[in-house]
Amino acid sequence: MKEEKKYIIIIYMAYKKKPKSIKITIRENKPRALRKEEIELFKTHSKHHSKKHIEEMKKFIRSGKGCFSDSHKHAMRKIGK
């Protein structure tokens, strides 16, 4: 089982003397299959984008690197429309 990474972000407020700290837990995504909702989204998304773009997005999601919007940003940078 992977350990969750914990980060402490310190926010400095101009009107306060002491900094505020917030604990944020970031979970790493695991490799997974596409969900039903994502498959439906790909059907409409594929009308506006190339097959390479769609395949790159699917590969990105399956590898567990991020969600639909993250995969779209990645595919736009790497392949384009």
C-alpha atoms as a PDB file:
ATOM      1  CA  MET A   1       0.000   0.000   0.000  1.00  0.00           C
ATOM      2  CA  LYS A   2       1.367   3.376  -0.985  1.00  0.00           C
ATOM      3  CA  GLU A   3       1.799   6.070   1.599  1.00  0.00           C
ATOM      4  CA  GLU A   4      -0.107   9.276   1.112  1.00  0.00           C
ATOM      5  CA  LYS A   5       2.026  12.352   0.672  1.00  0.00           C
ATOM      6  CA  LYS A   6       1.282  15.138   3.103  1.00  0.00           C
ATOM      7  CA  TYR A   7       2.184  18.729   2.481  1.00  0.00           C
ATOM      8  CA  ILE A   8       1.926  21.707   4.764  1.00  0.00           C
ATOM      9  CA  ILE A   9       1.162  24.953   3.030  1.00  0.00           C
ATOM     10  CA  ILE A  10       1.845  28.136   4.929  1.00  0.00           C
ATOM     11  CA  ILE A  11      -0.323  31.093   4.044  1.00  0.00           C
ATOM     12  CA  TYR A  12       0.907  34.514   5.078  1.00  0.00           C
ATOM     13  CA  MET A  13      -1.822  36.992   5.676  1.00  0.00           C
ATOM     14  CA  ALA A  14      -0.971  40.682   5.459  1.00  0.00           C
ATOM     15  CA  TYR A  15      -3.162  41.679   8.378  1.00  0.00           C
ATOM     16  CA  LYS A  16      -2.075  38.884  10.775  1.00  0.00           C
ATOM     17  CA  LYS A  17       1.254  38.499  12.481  1.00  0.00           C
ATOM     18  CA  LYS A  18       1.326  34.685  12.663  1.00  0.00           C
ATOM     19  CA  PRO A  19       1.252  32.562   9.505  1.00  0.00           C
ATOM     20  CA  LYS A  20      -1.626  30.137   9.061  1.00  0.00           C
ATOM     21  CA  SER A  21      -0.766  26.560   8.136  1.00  0.00           C
ATOM     22  CA  ILE A  22      -3.067  24.133   6.356  1.00  0.00           C
ATOM     23  CA  LYS A  23      -2.480  20.397   5.972  1.00  0.00           C
ATOM     24  CA  ILE A  24      -3.361  18.975   2.572  1.00  0.00           C
ATOM     25  CA  THR A  25      -3.344  15.281   1.710  1.00  0.00           C
ATOM     26  CA  ILE A  26      -2.615  14.446  -1.909  1.00  0.00           C
ATOM     27  CA  ARG A  27      -3.485  10.961  -3.109  1.00  0.00           C
ATOM     28  CA  GLU A  28      -1.751   9.391  -6.052  1.00  0.00           C
ATOM     29  CA  ASN A  29      -4.084   8.013  -8.692  1.00  0.00           C
ATOM     30  CA  LYS A  30      -3.904   4.301  -9.400  1.00  0.00           C
ATOM     31  CA  PRO A  31      -4.081   2.708 -12.856  1.00  0.00           C
ATOM     32  CA  ARG A  32      -7.724   1.973 -13.605  1.00  0.00           C
ATOM     33  CA  ALA A  33     -10.258   1.270 -16.326  1.00  0.00           C
ATOM     34  CA  LEU A  34     -12.404   3.955 -17.916  1.00  0.00           C
ATOM     35  CA  ARG A  35     -15.710   4.698 -16.207  1.00  0.00           C
ATOM     36  CA  LYS A  36     -19.096   4.689 -17.948  1.00  0.00           C
ATOM     37  CA  GLU A  37     -19.348   8.478 -17.722  1.00  0.00           C
ATOM     38  CA  GLU A  38     -15.928   8.921 -19.309  1.00  0.00           C
ATOM     39  CA  ILE A  39     -16.811   6.612 -22.195  1.00  0.00           C
ATOM     40  CA  GLU A  40     -19.914   8.727 -22.852  1.00  0.00           C
ATOM     41  CA  LEU A  41     -17.806  11.892 -22.697  1.00  0.00           C
ATOM     42  CA  PHE A  42     -15.352  10.447 -25.206  1.00  0.00           C
ATOM     43  CA  LYS A  43     -18.176   9.845 -27.697  1.00  0.00           C
ATOM     44  CA  THR A  44     -19.028  13.546 -27.809  1.00  0.00           C
ATOM     45  CA  HIS A  45     -15.416  14.664 -27.370  1.00  0.00           C
ATOM     46  CA  SER A  46     -14.263  12.617 -30.380  1.00  0.00           C
ATOM     47  CA  LYS A  47     -16.418  14.732 -32.717  1.00  0.00           C
ATOM     48  CA  HIS A  48     -14.119  17.697 -32.088  1.00  0.00           C
ATOM     49  CA  HIS A  49     -10.729  15.971 -31.725  1.00  0.00           C
ATOM     50  CA  SER A  50      -8.539  13.525 -33.637  1.00  0.00           C
ATOM     51  CA  LYS A  51      -8.253   9.815 -32.925  1.00  0.00           C
ATOM     52  CA  LYS A  52      -4.651  10.297 -31.710  1.00  0.00           C
ATOM     53  CA  HIS A  53      -5.845  12.916 -29.237  1.00  0.00           C
ATOM     54  CA  ILE A  54      -8.558  10.608 -27.858  1.00  0.00           C
ATOM     55  CA  GLU A  55      -6.199   7.623 -27.586  1.00  0.00           C
ATOM     56  CA  GLU A  56      -3.637   9.736 -25.708  1.00  0.00           C
ATOM     57  CA  MET A  57      -6.338  10.857 -23.285  1.00  0.00           C
ATOM     58  CA  LYS A  58      -7.469   7.257 -22.676  1.00  0.00           C
ATOM     59  CA  LYS A  59      -3.876   6.126 -22.116  1.00  0.00           C
ATOM     60  CA  PHE A  60      -3.352   8.967 -19.634  1.00  0.00           C
ATOM     61  CA  ILE A  61      -6.469   8.061 -17.619  1.00  0.00           C
ATOM     62  CA  ARG A  62      -5.778   4.309 -17.651  1.00  0.00           C
ATOM     63  CA  SER A  63      -2.245   4.866 -16.364  1.00  0.00           C
ATOM     64  CA  GLY A  64      -3.687   6.717 -13.361  1.00  0.00           C
ATOM     65  CA  LYS A  65      -2.051  10.075 -13.986  1.00  0.00           C
ATOM     66  CA  GLY A  66      -5.207  12.138 -13.719  1.00  0.00           C
ATOM     67  CA  CYS A  67      -8.848  12.764 -14.561  1.00  0.00           C
ATOM     68  CA  PHE A  68     -10.606  13.656 -17.831  1.00  0.00           C
ATOM     69  CA  SER A  69      -9.685  17.346 -17.784  1.00  0.00           C
ATOM     70  CA  ASP A  70      -6.053  16.593 -16.846  1.00  0.00           C
ATOM     71  CA  SER A  71      -5.820  14.108 -19.698  1.00  0.00           C
ATOM     72  CA  HIS A  72      -7.274  16.657 -22.138  1.00  0.00           C
ATOM     73  CA  LYS A  73      -4.681  19.270 -21.159  1.00  0.00           C
ATOM     74  CA  HIS A  74      -1.923  16.684 -21.536  1.00  0.00           C
ATOM     75  CA  ALA A  75      -3.158  15.554 -24.967  1.00  0.00           C
ATOM     76  CA  MET A  76      -3.514  19.145 -26.193  1.00  0.00           C
ATOM     77  CA  ARG A  77       0.091  19.891 -25.233  1.00  0.00           C
ATOM     78  CA  LYS A  78       1.498  16.645 -26.619  1.00  0.00           C
ATOM     79  CA  ILE A  79      -0.580  16.003 -29.760  1.00  0.00           C
ATOM     80  CA  GLY A  80      -2.857  18.976 -30.323  1.00  0.00           C
ATOM     81  CA  LYS A  81      -6.397  18.889 -31.614  1.00  0.00           C
END
